[in-house]
Amino acid sequence: MSSLSATQLPLTGAAGTILFSAVAVLLAAAGVTVFLKSRSTKRSLRA
């Protein structure tokens, strides 16, 4: 009888989860960038 430790468990879906997280981080960064650029554009148009 073999006992499974946490390091021997299969990493089912691990690659998909990492890819999904990376895409989410990139989308969040793009959203912040667009928000900051639009804010600075509005500020310069008012001045």
PDB file of N, CA and C in Angstrom:
ATOM      1  N   MET A   1       0.843  -1.183   0.000  1.00  0.00           N
ATOM      2  CA  MET A   1       0.000   0.000   0.000  1.00  0.00           C
ATOM      3  C   MET A   1       0.887   1.245   0.000  1.00  0.00           C
ATOM      4  N   SER A   2       0.648   2.130  -0.957  1.00  0.00           N
ATOM      5  CA  SER A   2       1.472   3.337  -1.034  1.00  0.00           C
ATOM      6  C   SER A   2       0.694   4.528  -0.489  1.00  0.00           C
ATOM      7  N   SER A   3       1.387   5.367   0.229  1.00  0.00           N
ATOM      8  CA  SER A   3       0.746   6.566   0.754  1.00  0.00           C
ATOM      9  C   SER A   3       1.163   7.760  -0.109  1.00  0.00           C
ATOM     10  N   LEU A   4       0.220   8.633  -0.394  1.00  0.00           N
ATOM     11  CA  LEU A   4       0.492   9.798  -1.214  1.00  0.00           C
ATOM     12  C   LEU A   4       0.755  11.011  -0.329  1.00  0.00           C
ATOM     13  N   SER A   5       1.850  11.673  -0.602  1.00  0.00           N
ATOM     14  CA  SER A   5       2.098  12.932   0.103  1.00  0.00           C
ATOM     15  C   SER A   5       1.635  14.079  -0.797  1.00  0.00           C
ATOM     16  N   ALA A   6       1.643  15.260  -0.298  1.00  0.00           N
ATOM     17  CA  ALA A   6       1.153  16.406  -1.062  1.00  0.00           C
ATOM     18  C   ALA A   6       1.996  16.657  -2.305  1.00  0.00           C
ATOM     19  N   THR A   7       3.260  16.317  -2.277  1.00  0.00           N
ATOM     20  CA  THR A   7       4.122  16.558  -3.436  1.00  0.00           C
ATOM     21  C   THR A   7       3.917  15.522  -4.520  1.00  0.00           C
ATOM     22  N   GLN A   8       3.277  14.402  -4.221  1.00  0.00           N
ATOM     23  CA  GLN A   8       3.057  13.357  -5.214  1.00  0.00           C
ATOM     24  C   GLN A   8       1.678  13.440  -5.860  1.00  0.00           C
ATOM     25  N   LEU A   9       0.854  14.366  -5.453  1.00  0.00           N
ATOM     26  CA  LEU A   9      -0.472  14.473  -6.022  1.00  0.00           C
ATOM     27  C   LEU A   9      -0.382  15.005  -7.447  1.00  0.00           C
ATOM     28  N   PRO A  10      -1.250  14.569  -8.342  1.00  0.00           N
ATOM     29  CA  PRO A  10      -1.208  15.069  -9.724  1.00  0.00           C
ATOM     30  C   PRO A  10      -1.602  16.535  -9.789  1.00  0.00           C
ATOM     31  N   LEU A  11      -0.950  17.257 -10.660  1.00  0.00           N
ATOM     32  CA  LEU A  11      -1.232  18.686 -10.818  1.00  0.00           C
ATOM     33  C   LEU A  11      -2.251  18.884 -11.932  1.00  0.00           C
ATOM     34  N   THR A  12      -3.428  18.354 -11.755  1.00  0.00           N
ATOM     35  CA  THR A  12      -4.470  18.423 -12.773  1.00  0.00           C
ATOM     36  C   THR A  12      -4.909  19.871 -12.969  1.00  0.00           C
ATOM     37  N   GLY A  13      -4.787  20.370 -14.185  1.00  0.00           N
ATOM     38  CA  GLY A  13      -5.221  21.725 -14.496  1.00  0.00           C
ATOM     39  C   GLY A  13      -4.280  22.807 -14.032  1.00  0.00           C
ATOM     40  N   ALA A  14      -3.114  22.466 -13.559  1.00  0.00           N
ATOM     41  CA  ALA A  14      -2.202  23.488 -13.034  1.00  0.00           C
ATOM     42  C   ALA A  14      -1.762  24.443 -14.128  1.00  0.00           C
ATOM     43  N   ALA A  15      -1.458  23.938 -15.317  1.00  0.00           N
ATOM     44  CA  ALA A  15      -1.014  24.804 -16.411  1.00  0.00           C
ATOM     45  C   ALA A  15      -2.128  25.762 -16.822  1.00  0.00           C
ATOM     46  N   GLY A  16      -3.354  25.279 -16.869  1.00  0.00           N
ATOM     47  CA  GLY A  16      -4.480  26.142 -17.223  1.00  0.00           C
ATOM     48  C   GLY A  16      -4.715  27.219 -16.191  1.00  0.00           C
ATOM     49  N   THR A  17      -4.552  26.892 -14.932  1.00  0.00           N
ATOM     50  CA  THR A  17      -4.741  27.874 -13.863  1.00  0.00           C
ATOM     51  C   THR A  17      -3.675  28.958 -13.923  1.00  0.00           C
ATOM     52  N   ILE A  18      -2.438  28.551 -14.168  1.00  0.00           N
ATOM     53  CA  ILE A  18      -1.345  29.525 -14.269  1.00  0.00           C
ATOM     54  C   ILE A  18      -1.573  30.439 -15.467  1.00  0.00           C
ATOM     55  N   LEU A  19      -1.974  29.872 -16.599  1.00  0.00           N
ATOM     56  CA  LEU A  19      -2.238  30.671 -17.801  1.00  0.00           C
ATOM     57  C   LEU A  19      -3.384  31.645 -17.555  1.00  0.00           C
ATOM     58  N   PHE A  20      -4.456  31.168 -16.942  1.00  0.00           N
ATOM     59  CA  PHE A  20      -5.599  32.028 -16.640  1.00  0.00           C
ATOM     60  C   PHE A  20      -5.193  33.173 -15.715  1.00  0.00           C
ATOM     61  N   SER A  21      -4.368  32.882 -14.710  1.00  0.00           N
ATOM     62  CA  SER A  21      -3.908  33.919 -13.786  1.00  0.00           C
ATOM     63  C   SER A  21      -3.031  34.944 -14.499  1.00  0.00           C
ATOM     64  N   ALA A  22      -2.165  34.482 -15.387  1.00  0.00           N
ATOM     65  CA  ALA A  22      -1.293  35.399 -16.124  1.00  0.00           C
ATOM     66  C   ALA A  22      -2.111  36.330 -17.019  1.00  0.00           C
ATOM     67  N   VAL A  23      -3.115  35.786 -17.686  1.00  0.00           N
ATOM     68  CA  VAL A  23      -3.980  36.602 -18.540  1.00  0.00           C
ATOM     69  C   VAL A  23      -4.747  37.614 -17.699  1.00  0.00           C
ATOM     70  N   ALA A  24      -5.214  37.207 -16.534  1.00  0.00           N
ATOM     71  CA  ALA A  24      -5.951  38.113 -15.652  1.00  0.00           C
ATOM     72  C   ALA A  24      -5.065  39.266 -15.186  1.00  0.00           C
ATOM     73  N   VAL A  25      -3.819  38.956 -14.845  1.00  0.00           N
ATOM     74  CA  VAL A  25      -2.888  40.010 -14.405  1.00  0.00           C
ATOM     75  C   VAL A  25      -2.609  40.983 -15.548  1.00  0.00           C
ATOM     76  N   LEU A  26      -2.411  40.465 -16.760  1.00  0.00           N
ATOM     77  CA  LEU A  26      -2.149  41.336 -17.905  1.00  0.00           C
ATOM     78  C   LEU A  26      -3.359  42.223 -18.215  1.00  0.00           C
ATOM     79  N   LEU A  27      -4.565  41.667 -18.134  1.00  0.00           N
ATOM     80  CA  LEU A  27      -5.763  42.471 -18.379  1.00  0.00           C
ATOM     81  C   LEU A  27      -5.938  43.553 -17.313  1.00  0.00           C
ATOM     82  N   ALA A  28      -5.638  43.216 -16.067  1.00  0.00           N
ATOM     83  CA  ALA A  28      -5.742  44.200 -14.993  1.00  0.00           C
ATOM     84  C   ALA A  28      -4.735  45.330 -15.207  1.00  0.00           C
ATOM     85  N   ALA A  29      -3.513  44.977 -15.599  1.00  0.00           N
ATOM     86  CA  ALA A  29      -2.484  45.996 -15.848  1.00  0.00           C
ATOM     87  C   ALA A  29      -2.888  46.889 -17.015  1.00  0.00           C
ATOM     88  N   ALA A  30      -3.453  46.298 -18.066  1.00  0.00           N
ATOM     89  CA  ALA A  30      -3.906  47.092 -19.208  1.00  0.00           C
ATOM     90  C   ALA A  30      -5.038  48.030 -18.789  1.00  0.00           C
ATOM     91  N   GLY A  31      -5.936  47.540 -17.967  1.00  0.00           N
ATOM     92  CA  GLY A  31      -7.041  48.378 -17.492  1.00  0.00           C
ATOM     93  C   GLY A  31      -6.555  49.555 -16.665  1.00  0.00           C
ATOM     94  N   VAL A  32      -5.603  49.309 -15.796  1.00  0.00           N
ATOM     95  CA  VAL A  32      -5.041  50.396 -14.977  1.00  0.00           C
ATOM     96  C   VAL A  32      -4.335  51.411 -15.867  1.00  0.00           C
ATOM     97  N   THR A  33      -3.593  50.932 -16.861  1.00  0.00           N
ATOM     98  CA  THR A  33      -2.881  51.828 -17.770  1.00  0.00           C
ATOM     99  C   THR A  33      -3.854  52.704 -18.547  1.00  0.00           C
ATOM    100  N   VAL A  34      -4.911  52.113 -19.077  1.00  0.00           N
ATOM    101  CA  VAL A  34      -5.909  52.885 -19.826  1.00  0.00           C
ATOM    102  C   VAL A  34      -6.590  53.899 -18.909  1.00  0.00           C
ATOM    103  N   PHE A  35      -6.896  53.487 -17.697  1.00  0.00           N
ATOM    104  CA  PHE A  35      -7.542  54.405 -16.749  1.00  0.00           C
ATOM    105  C   PHE A  35      -6.648  55.604 -16.446  1.00  0.00           C
ATOM    106  N   LEU A  36      -5.368  55.341 -16.167  1.00  0.00           N
ATOM    107  CA  LEU A  36      -4.457  56.436 -15.824  1.00  0.00           C
ATOM    108  C   LEU A  36      -4.222  57.356 -17.020  1.00  0.00           C
ATOM    109  N   LYS A  37      -4.099  56.803 -18.213  1.00  0.00           N
ATOM    110  CA  LYS A  37      -3.894  57.634 -19.403  1.00  0.00           C
ATOM    111  C   LYS A  37      -5.119  58.483 -19.697  1.00  0.00           C
ATOM    112  N   SER A  38      -6.312  57.927 -19.550  1.00  0.00           N
ATOM    113  CA  SER A  38      -7.518  58.706 -19.816  1.00  0.00           C
ATOM    114  C   SER A  38      -7.678  59.807 -18.772  1.00  0.00           C
ATOM    115  N   ARG A  39      -7.268  59.506 -17.541  1.00  0.00           N
ATOM    116  CA  ARG A  39      -7.352  60.516 -16.493  1.00  0.00           C
ATOM    117  C   ARG A  39      -6.416  61.683 -16.776  1.00  0.00           C
ATOM    118  N   SER A  40      -5.186  61.365 -17.208  1.00  0.00           N
ATOM    119  CA  SER A  40      -4.231  62.438 -17.494  1.00  0.00           C
ATOM    120  C   SER A  40      -4.663  63.211 -18.735  1.00  0.00           C
ATOM    121  N   THR A  41      -5.301  62.546 -19.709  1.00  0.00           N
ATOM    122  CA  THR A  41      -5.775  63.243 -20.905  1.00  0.00           C
ATOM    123  C   THR A  41      -6.896  64.216 -20.540  1.00  0.00           C
ATOM    124  N   LYS A  42      -7.833  63.774 -19.699  1.00  0.00           N
ATOM    125  CA  LYS A  42      -8.912  64.662 -19.270  1.00  0.00           C
ATOM    126  C   LYS A  42      -8.357  65.868 -18.529  1.00  0.00           C
ATOM    127  N   ARG A  43      -7.338  65.619 -17.684  1.00  0.00           N
ATOM    128  CA  ARG A  43      -6.738  66.702 -16.907  1.00  0.00           C
ATOM    129  C   ARG A  43      -6.090  67.741 -17.823  1.00  0.00           C
ATOM    130  N   SER A  44      -5.381  67.273 -18.860  1.00  0.00           N
ATOM    131  CA  SER A  44      -4.695  68.213 -19.758  1.00  0.00           C
ATOM    132  C   SER A  44      -5.688  68.941 -20.637  1.00  0.00           C
ATOM    133  N   LEU A  45      -6.838  68.358 -20.954  1.00  0.00           N
ATOM    134  CA  LEU A  45      -7.837  69.057 -21.748  1.00  0.00           C
ATOM    135  C   LEU A  45      -8.523  70.161 -20.942  1.00  0.00           C
ATOM    136  N   ARG A  46      -8.645  69.957 -19.642  1.00  0.00           N
ATOM    137  CA  ARG A  46      -9.287  70.976 -18.782  1.00  0.00           C
ATOM    138  C   ARG A  46      -8.355  72.162 -18.523  1.00  0.00           C
ATOM    139  N   ALA A  47      -7.053  71.951 -18.566  1.00  0.00           N
ATOM    140  CA  ALA A  47      -6.104  73.010 -18.222  1.00  0.00           C
ATOM    141  C   ALA A  47      -6.013  74.072 -19.300  1.00  0.00           C
TER     142      ALA A  47
END
